[in-house]
């Protein structure tokens, strides 16, 4: 499968930065799933929602966020978030 660059960051740490196969988020407009070469988009994450992603190795992870935003452009997905403890 084709990968894309995924970076999930908060104001204090990098949660994930690397190649991914998939990233799923809940936005104010509804749930969105991203794979390689997705069209450009900018969105606001739904409060108290989960980000799920699959690393290029096939490992799946979930991060619960307080709030945030997502950008996908030029095969790069950047998610900036405000987190609940223990991440913050």
PDB file of N, CA and C in Angstrom:
ATOM      1  N   UNK A   1       0.839  -1.187   0.000  1.00  0.00           N
ATOM      2  CA  UNK A   1       0.000   0.000   0.000  1.00  0.00           C
ATOM      3  C   UNK A   1       0.881   1.246   0.000  1.00  0.00           C
ATOM      4  N   UNK A   2       0.337   2.306  -0.540  1.00  0.00           N
ATOM      5  CA  UNK A   2       1.053   3.575  -0.594  1.00  0.00           C
ATOM      6  C   UNK A   2       0.906   4.306   0.726  1.00  0.00           C
ATOM      7  N   UNK A   3       1.971   4.977   1.156  1.00  0.00           N
ATOM      8  CA  UNK A   3       1.973   5.685   2.433  1.00  0.00           C
ATOM      9  C   UNK A   3       1.938   7.191   2.214  1.00  0.00           C
ATOM     10  N   UNK A   4       1.689   7.899   3.314  1.00  0.00           N
ATOM     11  CA  UNK A   4       1.770   9.358   3.329  1.00  0.00           C
ATOM     12  C   UNK A   4       2.458   9.763   4.621  1.00  0.00           C
ATOM     13  N   UNK A   5       2.919  11.001   4.683  1.00  0.00           N
ATOM     14  CA  UNK A   5       3.557  11.529   5.881  1.00  0.00           C
ATOM     15  C   UNK A   5       2.488  11.973   6.862  1.00  0.00           C
ATOM     16  N   UNK A   6       2.578  11.499   8.106  1.00  0.00           N
ATOM     17  CA  UNK A   6       1.628  11.864   9.153  1.00  0.00           C
ATOM     18  C   UNK A   6       2.391  12.437  10.332  1.00  0.00           C
ATOM     19  N   UNK A   7       1.935  13.585  10.793  1.00  0.00           N
ATOM     20  CA  UNK A   7       2.523  14.211  11.978  1.00  0.00           C
ATOM     21  C   UNK A   7       1.384  14.641  12.894  1.00  0.00           C
ATOM     22  N   UNK A   8       1.354  14.075  14.098  1.00  0.00           N
ATOM     23  CA  UNK A   8       0.364  14.439  15.114  1.00  0.00           C
ATOM     24  C   UNK A   8       1.137  15.103  16.243  1.00  0.00           C
ATOM     25  N   UNK A   9       0.845  16.377  16.499  1.00  0.00           N
ATOM     26  CA  UNK A   9       1.611  17.142  17.482  1.00  0.00           C
ATOM     27  C   UNK A   9       0.690  17.920  18.422  1.00  0.00           C
ATOM     28  N   UNK A  10       1.173  18.094  19.657  1.00  0.00           N
ATOM     29  CA  UNK A  10       0.529  18.997  20.608  1.00  0.00           C
ATOM     30  C   UNK A  10       1.513  20.131  20.861  1.00  0.00           C
ATOM     31  N   UNK A  11       1.151  21.054  21.730  1.00  0.00           N
ATOM     32  CA  UNK A  11       2.057  22.167  22.010  1.00  0.00           C
ATOM     33  C   UNK A  11       3.313  21.717  22.753  1.00  0.00           C
ATOM     34  N   UNK A  12       3.280  20.535  23.368  1.00  0.00           N
ATOM     35  CA  UNK A  12       4.417  20.101  24.178  1.00  0.00           C
ATOM     36  C   UNK A  12       5.141  18.851  23.663  1.00  0.00           C
ATOM     37  N   UNK A  13       4.567  18.109  22.724  1.00  0.00           N
ATOM     38  CA  UNK A  13       5.272  16.927  22.236  1.00  0.00           C
ATOM     39  C   UNK A  13       4.771  16.453  20.879  1.00  0.00           C
ATOM     40  N   UNK A  14       5.598  15.631  20.267  1.00  0.00           N
ATOM     41  CA  UNK A  14       5.247  14.967  19.015  1.00  0.00           C
ATOM     42  C   UNK A  14       4.683  13.597  19.381  1.00  0.00           C
ATOM     43  N   UNK A  15       3.435  13.368  19.030  1.00  0.00           N
ATOM     44  CA  UNK A  15       2.782  12.105  19.351  1.00  0.00           C
ATOM     45  C   UNK A  15       3.153  11.040  18.328  1.00  0.00           C
ATOM     46  N   UNK A  16       3.140  11.417  17.063  1.00  0.00           N
ATOM     47  CA  UNK A  16       3.576  10.512  16.003  1.00  0.00           C
ATOM     48  C   UNK A  16       4.091  11.344  14.843  1.00  0.00           C
ATOM     49  N   UNK A  17       5.184  10.914  14.273  1.00  0.00           N
ATOM     50  CA  UNK A  17       5.729  11.532  13.074  1.00  0.00           C
ATOM     51  C   UNK A  17       6.374  10.431  12.247  1.00  0.00           C
ATOM     52  N   UNK A  18       5.794  10.147  11.098  1.00  0.00           N
ATOM     53  CA  UNK A  18       6.332   9.093  10.255  1.00  0.00           C
ATOM     54  C   UNK A  18       5.378   8.749   9.129  1.00  0.00           C
ATOM     55  N   UNK A  19       5.642   7.641   8.490  1.00  0.00           N
ATOM     56  CA  UNK A  19       4.799   7.190   7.383  1.00  0.00           C
ATOM     57  C   UNK A  19       3.575   6.453   7.915  1.00  0.00           C
ATOM     58  N   UNK A  20       2.457   6.664   7.248  1.00  0.00           N
ATOM     59  CA  UNK A  20       1.198   6.038   7.670  1.00  0.00           C
ATOM     60  C   UNK A  20       0.445   5.508   6.458  1.00  0.00           C
ATOM     61  N   UNK A  21      -0.405   4.536   6.729  1.00  0.00           N
ATOM     62  CA  UNK A  21      -1.300   3.978   5.713  1.00  0.00           C
ATOM     63  C   UNK A  21      -2.691   4.599   5.781  1.00  0.00           C
ATOM     64  N   UNK A  22      -3.083   5.027   7.015  1.00  0.00           N
ATOM     65  CA  UNK A  22      -4.437   5.524   7.234  1.00  0.00           C
ATOM     66  C   UNK A  22      -4.465   6.440   8.450  1.00  0.00           C
ATOM     67  N   UNK A  23      -5.346   7.434   8.400  1.00  0.00           N
ATOM     68  CA  UNK A  23      -5.625   8.283   9.557  1.00  0.00           C
ATOM     69  C   UNK A  23      -7.111   8.615   9.526  1.00  0.00           C
ATOM     70  N   UNK A  24      -7.795   8.376  10.648  1.00  0.00           N
ATOM     71  CA  UNK A  24      -9.218   8.668  10.753  1.00  0.00           C
ATOM     72  C   UNK A  24      -9.480   9.656  11.873  1.00  0.00           C
ATOM     73  N   UNK A  25     -10.328  10.645  11.591  1.00  0.00           N
ATOM     74  CA  UNK A  25     -10.656  11.684  12.577  1.00  0.00           C
ATOM     75  C   UNK A  25     -12.141  11.996  12.532  1.00  0.00           C
ATOM     76  N   UNK A  26     -12.617  12.597  13.618  1.00  0.00           N
ATOM     77  CA  UNK A  26     -13.984  13.124  13.654  1.00  0.00           C
ATOM     78  C   UNK A  26     -13.880  14.645  13.607  1.00  0.00           C
ATOM     79  N   UNK A  27     -14.498  15.256  12.609  1.00  0.00           N
ATOM     80  CA  UNK A  27     -14.494  16.714  12.474  1.00  0.00           C
ATOM     81  C   UNK A  27     -15.874  17.262  12.792  1.00  0.00           C
ATOM     82  N   UNK A  28     -15.965  18.566  12.812  1.00  0.00           N
ATOM     83  CA  UNK A  28     -17.270  19.196  13.035  1.00  0.00           C
ATOM     84  C   UNK A  28     -18.250  18.864  11.915  1.00  0.00           C
ATOM     85  N   UNK A  29     -17.719  18.504  10.736  1.00  0.00           N
ATOM     86  CA  UNK A  29     -18.558  18.159   9.582  1.00  0.00           C
ATOM     87  C   UNK A  29     -18.839  16.669   9.466  1.00  0.00           C
ATOM     88  N   UNK A  30     -18.222  15.858  10.323  1.00  0.00           N
ATOM     89  CA  UNK A  30     -18.414  14.411  10.264  1.00  0.00           C
ATOM     90  C   UNK A  30     -17.087  13.680  10.278  1.00  0.00           C
ATOM     91  N   UNK A  31     -17.146  12.363  10.190  1.00  0.00           N
ATOM     92  CA  UNK A  31     -15.938  11.536  10.221  1.00  0.00           C
ATOM     93  C   UNK A  31     -15.253  11.533   8.864  1.00  0.00           C
ATOM     94  N   UNK A  32     -13.913  11.581   8.902  1.00  0.00           N
ATOM     95  CA  UNK A  32     -13.115  11.561   7.682  1.00  0.00           C
ATOM     96  C   UNK A  32     -12.016  10.528   7.813  1.00  0.00           C
ATOM     97  N   UNK A  33     -11.710   9.854   6.718  1.00  0.00           N
ATOM     98  CA  UNK A  33     -10.601   8.916   6.661  1.00  0.00           C
ATOM     99  C   UNK A  33      -9.641   9.336   5.571  1.00  0.00           C
ATOM    100  N   UNK A  34      -8.343   9.246   5.857  1.00  0.00           N
ATOM    101  CA  UNK A  34      -7.320   9.694   4.921  1.00  0.00           C
ATOM    102  C   UNK A  34      -6.387   8.547   4.564  1.00  0.00           C
ATOM    103  N   UNK A  35      -6.113   8.408   3.274  1.00  0.00           N
ATOM    104  CA  UNK A  35      -5.106   7.500   2.760  1.00  0.00           C
ATOM    105  C   UNK A  35      -4.208   8.320   1.844  1.00  0.00           C
ATOM    106  N   UNK A  36      -3.177   7.701   1.336  1.00  0.00           N
ATOM    107  CA  UNK A  36      -2.218   8.405   0.489  1.00  0.00           C
ATOM    108  C   UNK A  36      -2.901   9.127  -0.670  1.00  0.00           C
ATOM    109  N   UNK A  37      -2.376  10.280  -0.994  1.00  0.00           N
ATOM    110  CA  UNK A  37      -2.823  11.107  -2.126  1.00  0.00           C
ATOM    111  C   UNK A  37      -4.248  11.628  -1.987  1.00  0.00           C
ATOM    112  N   UNK A  38      -4.705  11.801  -0.765  1.00  0.00           N
ATOM    113  CA  UNK A  38      -6.028  12.382  -0.525  1.00  0.00           C
ATOM    114  C   UNK A  38      -6.039  13.815  -1.041  1.00  0.00           C
ATOM    115  N   UNK A  39      -7.200  14.298  -1.409  1.00  0.00           N
ATOM    116  CA  UNK A  39      -7.305  15.688  -1.855  1.00  0.00           C
ATOM    117  C   UNK A  39      -7.018  16.628  -0.681  1.00  0.00           C
ATOM    118  N   UNK A  40      -6.602  17.840  -0.995  1.00  0.00           N
ATOM    119  CA  UNK A  40      -6.278  18.822   0.036  1.00  0.00           C
ATOM    120  C   UNK A  40      -7.522  19.170   0.846  1.00  0.00           C
ATOM    121  N   UNK A  41      -7.338  19.287   2.160  1.00  0.00           N
ATOM    122  CA  UNK A  41      -8.454  19.598   3.053  1.00  0.00           C
ATOM    123  C   UNK A  41      -7.917  20.228   4.329  1.00  0.00           C
ATOM    124  N   UNK A  42      -8.732  21.070   4.931  1.00  0.00           N
ATOM    125  CA  UNK A  42      -8.439  21.671   6.230  1.00  0.00           C
ATOM    126  C   UNK A  42      -9.702  21.536   7.061  1.00  0.00           C
ATOM    127  N   UNK A  43      -9.579  21.018   8.298  1.00  0.00           N
ATOM    128  CA  UNK A  43     -10.768  20.809   9.114  1.00  0.00           C
ATOM    129  C   UNK A  43     -10.510  20.989  10.595  1.00  0.00           C
ATOM    130  N   UNK A  44     -11.590  21.214  11.322  1.00  0.00           N
ATOM    131  CA  UNK A  44     -11.544  21.355  12.779  1.00  0.00           C
ATOM    132  C   UNK A  44     -12.031  20.053  13.394  1.00  0.00           C
ATOM    133  N   UNK A  45     -11.245  19.523  14.338  1.00  0.00           N
ATOM    134  CA  UNK A  45     -11.619  18.269  14.980  1.00  0.00           C
ATOM    135  C   UNK A  45     -12.754  18.479  15.975  1.00  0.00           C
ATOM    136  N   UNK A  46     -13.584  17.475  16.082  1.00  0.00           N
ATOM    137  CA  UNK A  46     -14.651  17.464  17.071  1.00  0.00           C
ATOM    138  C   UNK A  46     -14.023  17.360  18.462  1.00  0.00           C
ATOM    139  N   UNK A  47     -14.548  18.099  19.412  1.00  0.00           N
ATOM    140  CA  UNK A  47     -14.016  18.039  20.779  1.00  0.00           C
ATOM    141  C   UNK A  47     -14.209  16.644  21.366  1.00  0.00           C
ATOM    142  N   UNK A  48     -13.250  16.240  22.199  1.00  0.00           N
ATOM    143  CA  UNK A  48     -13.289  14.946  22.888  1.00  0.00           C
ATOM    144  C   UNK A  48     -13.453  13.785  21.913  1.00  0.00           C
ATOM    145  N   UNK A  49     -12.617  13.753  20.884  1.00  0.00           N
ATOM    146  CA  UNK A  49     -12.721  12.707  19.867  1.00  0.00           C
ATOM    147  C   UNK A  49     -11.413  11.927  19.751  1.00  0.00           C
ATOM    148  N   UNK A  50     -11.461  10.851  18.977  1.00  0.00           N
ATOM    149  CA  UNK A  50     -10.301   9.986  18.778  1.00  0.00           C
ATOM    150  C   UNK A  50      -9.697  10.196  17.401  1.00  0.00           C
ATOM    151  N   UNK A  51      -8.379  10.090  17.349  1.00  0.00           N
ATOM    152  CA  UNK A  51      -7.645  10.003  16.089  1.00  0.00           C
ATOM    153  C   UNK A  51      -7.132   8.569  16.023  1.00  0.00           C
ATOM    154  N   UNK A  52      -7.473   7.880  14.950  1.00  0.00           N
ATOM    155  CA  UNK A  52      -6.955   6.524  14.758  1.00  0.00           C
ATOM    156  C   UNK A  52      -6.020   6.559  13.561  1.00  0.00           C
ATOM    157  N   UNK A  53      -4.920   5.829  13.663  1.00  0.00           N
ATOM    158  CA  UNK A  53      -4.001   5.803  12.532  1.00  0.00           C
ATOM    159  C   UNK A  53      -3.303   4.458  12.452  1.00  0.00           C
ATOM    160  N   UNK A  54      -2.897   4.145  11.239  1.00  0.00           N
ATOM    161  CA  UNK A  54      -2.171   2.906  10.971  1.00  0.00           C
ATOM    162  C   UNK A  54      -0.794   3.281  10.439  1.00  0.00           C
ATOM    163  N   UNK A  55       0.238   2.895  11.177  1.00  0.00           N
ATOM    164  CA  UNK A  55       1.607   3.153  10.753  1.00  0.00           C
ATOM    165  C   UNK A  55       1.938   2.298   9.538  1.00  0.00           C
ATOM    166  N   UNK A  56       3.010   2.645   8.842  1.00  0.00           N
ATOM    167  CA  UNK A  56       3.393   1.891   7.649  1.00  0.00           C
ATOM    168  C   UNK A  56       3.693   0.429   7.961  1.00  0.00           C
ATOM    169  N   UNK A  57       4.047   0.123   9.208  1.00  0.00           N
ATOM    170  CA  UNK A  57       4.304  -1.263   9.626  1.00  0.00           C
ATOM    171  C   UNK A  57       3.020  -2.073   9.791  1.00  0.00           C
ATOM    172  N   UNK A  58       1.867  -1.375   9.809  1.00  0.00           N
ATOM    173  CA  UNK A  58       0.583  -2.034  10.019  1.00  0.00           C
ATOM    174  C   UNK A  58       0.079  -1.918  11.441  1.00  0.00           C
ATOM    175  N   UNK A  59       0.872  -1.331  12.323  1.00  0.00           N
ATOM    176  CA  UNK A  59       0.482  -1.138  13.727  1.00  0.00           C
ATOM    177  C   UNK A  59      -0.587  -0.050  13.836  1.00  0.00           C
ATOM    178  N   UNK A  60      -1.658  -0.343  14.580  1.00  0.00           N
ATOM    179  CA  UNK A  60      -2.755   0.608  14.769  1.00  0.00           C
ATOM    180  C   UNK A  60      -2.650   1.295  16.123  1.00  0.00           C
ATOM    181  N   UNK A  61      -2.974   2.591  16.151  1.00  0.00           N
ATOM    182  CA  UNK A  61      -2.949   3.370  17.391  1.00  0.00           C
ATOM    183  C   UNK A  61      -4.128   4.322  17.425  1.00  0.00           C
ATOM    184  N   UNK A  62      -4.499   4.709  18.646  1.00  0.00           N
ATOM    185  CA  UNK A  62      -5.578   5.672  18.854  1.00  0.00           C
ATOM    186  C   UNK A  62      -5.123   6.700  19.880  1.00  0.00           C
ATOM    187  N   UNK A  63      -5.433   7.965  19.613  1.00  0.00           N
ATOM    188  CA  UNK A  63      -5.144   9.057  20.537  1.00  0.00           C
ATOM    189  C   UNK A  63      -6.440   9.813  20.773  1.00  0.00           C
ATOM    190  N   UNK A  64      -6.806  10.013  22.030  1.00  0.00           N
ATOM    191  CA  UNK A  64      -7.988  10.805  22.366  1.00  0.00           C
ATOM    192  C   UNK A  64      -7.564  12.255  22.565  1.00  0.00           C
ATOM    193  N   UNK A  65      -8.257  13.165  21.892  1.00  0.00           N
ATOM    194  CA  UNK A  65      -7.880  14.578  21.936  1.00  0.00           C
ATOM    195  C   UNK A  65      -9.009  15.430  22.480  1.00  0.00           C
ATOM    196  N   UNK A  66      -8.630  16.543  23.060  1.00  0.00           N
ATOM    197  CA  UNK A  66      -9.601  17.515  23.555  1.00  0.00           C
ATOM    198  C   UNK A  66     -10.146  18.329  22.385  1.00  0.00           C
ATOM    199  N   UNK A  67      -9.239  18.797  21.520  1.00  0.00           N
ATOM    200  CA  UNK A  67      -9.624  19.594  20.353  1.00  0.00           C
ATOM    201  C   UNK A  67      -8.438  19.625  19.393  1.00  0.00           C
ATOM    202  N   UNK A  68      -8.634  20.217  18.215  1.00  0.00           N
ATOM    203  CA  UNK A  68      -7.524  20.332  17.272  1.00  0.00           C
ATOM    204  C   UNK A  68      -7.980  20.638  15.868  1.00  0.00           C
ATOM    205  N   UNK A  69      -7.013  20.564  14.944  1.00  0.00           N
ATOM    206  CA  UNK A  69      -7.308  20.787  13.535  1.00  0.00           C
ATOM    207  C   UNK A  69      -6.456  19.849  12.699  1.00  0.00           C
ATOM    208  N   UNK A  70      -6.898  19.610  11.464  1.00  0.00           N
ATOM    209  CA  UNK A  70      -6.195  18.701  10.559  1.00  0.00           C
ATOM    210  C   UNK A  70      -6.012  19.367   9.207  1.00  0.00           C
ATOM    211  N   UNK A  71      -4.870  19.102   8.609  1.00  0.00           N
ATOM    212  CA  UNK A  71      -4.567  19.597   7.271  1.00  0.00           C
ATOM    213  C   UNK A  71      -3.978  18.444   6.467  1.00  0.00           C
ATOM    214  N   UNK A  72      -4.455  18.254   5.240  1.00  0.00           N
ATOM    215  CA  UNK A  72      -3.870  17.264   4.339  1.00  0.00           C
ATOM    216  C   UNK A  72      -3.583  17.965   3.032  1.00  0.00           C
ATOM    217  N   UNK A  73      -2.304  17.967   2.639  1.00  0.00           N
ATOM    218  CA  UNK A  73      -1.898  18.610   1.396  1.00  0.00           C
ATOM    219  C   UNK A  73      -0.567  18.016   0.958  1.00  0.00           C
ATOM    220  N   UNK A  74      -0.418  17.784  -0.340  1.00  0.00           N
ATOM    221  CA  UNK A  74       0.819  17.249  -0.916  1.00  0.00           C
ATOM    222  C   UNK A  74       1.274  15.968  -0.222  1.00  0.00           C
ATOM    223  N   UNK A  75       0.330  15.074   0.038  1.00  0.00           N
ATOM    224  CA  UNK A  75       0.574  13.771   0.648  1.00  0.00           C
ATOM    225  C   UNK A  75       1.165  13.871   2.060  1.00  0.00           C
ATOM    226  N   UNK A  76       0.877  14.974   2.732  1.00  0.00           N
ATOM    227  CA  UNK A  76       1.294  15.177   4.122  1.00  0.00           C
ATOM    228  C   UNK A  76       0.074  15.551   4.949  1.00  0.00           C
ATOM    229  N   UNK A  77      -0.126  14.814   6.037  1.00  0.00           N
ATOM    230  CA  UNK A  77      -1.236  15.057   6.954  1.00  0.00           C
ATOM    231  C   UNK A  77      -0.655  15.583   8.267  1.00  0.00           C
ATOM    232  N   UNK A  78      -1.070  16.763   8.653  1.00  0.00           N
ATOM    233  CA  UNK A  78      -0.620  17.359   9.908  1.00  0.00           C
ATOM    234  C   UNK A  78      -1.830  17.553  10.807  1.00  0.00           C
ATOM    235  N   UNK A  79      -1.744  17.013  12.018  1.00  0.00           N
ATOM    236  CA  UNK A  79      -2.824  17.140  12.987  1.00  0.00           C
ATOM    237  C   UNK A  79      -2.247  17.841  14.216  1.00  0.00           C
ATOM    238  N   UNK A  80      -2.757  19.020  14.526  1.00  0.00           N
ATOM    239  CA  UNK A  80      -2.334  19.745  15.732  1.00  0.00           C
ATOM    240  C   UNK A  80      -3.451  19.623  16.748  1.00  0.00           C
ATOM    241  N   UNK A  81      -3.083  19.244  17.967  1.00  0.00           N
ATOM    242  CA  UNK A  81      -4.106  18.898  18.960  1.00  0.00           C
ATOM    243  C   UNK A  81      -3.818  19.480  20.328  1.00  0.00           C
ATOM    244  N   UNK A  82      -4.878  19.564  21.108  1.00  0.00           N
ATOM    245  CA  UNK A  82      -4.806  19.811  22.541  1.00  0.00           C
ATOM    246  C   UNK A  82      -5.209  18.496  23.175  1.00  0.00           C
ATOM    247  N   UNK A  83      -4.369  18.006  24.093  1.00  0.00           N
ATOM    248  CA  UNK A  83      -4.550  16.664  24.644  1.00  0.00           C
ATOM    249  C   UNK A  83      -4.979  16.684  26.104  1.00  0.00           C
ATOM    250  N   UNK A  84      -5.590  15.570  26.495  1.00  0.00           N
ATOM    251  CA  UNK A  84      -5.859  15.280  27.896  1.00  0.00           C
ATOM    252  C   UNK A  84      -4.602  14.650  28.489  1.00  0.00           C
ATOM    253  N   UNK A  85      -4.407  14.707  29.795  1.00  0.00           N
ATOM    254  CA  UNK A  85      -3.321  13.936  30.401  1.00  0.00           C
ATOM    255  C   UNK A  85      -3.533  12.448  30.106  1.00  0.00           C
ATOM    256  N   UNK A  86      -2.517  11.617  29.968  1.00  0.00           N
ATOM    257  CA  UNK A  86      -1.134  11.839  30.385  1.00  0.00           C
ATOM    258  C   UNK A  86      -0.239  12.445  29.330  1.00  0.00           C
ATOM    259  N   UNK A  87      -0.763  12.740  28.108  1.00  0.00           N
ATOM    260  CA  UNK A  87       0.085  13.240  27.027  1.00  0.00           C
ATOM    261  C   UNK A  87       0.527  14.684  27.216  1.00  0.00           C
ATOM    262  N   UNK A  88      -0.309  15.532  27.818  1.00  0.00           N
ATOM    263  CA  UNK A  88      -0.008  16.959  27.854  1.00  0.00           C
ATOM    264  C   UNK A  88       1.071  17.300  28.844  1.00  0.00           C
TER     265      UNK A  88
END
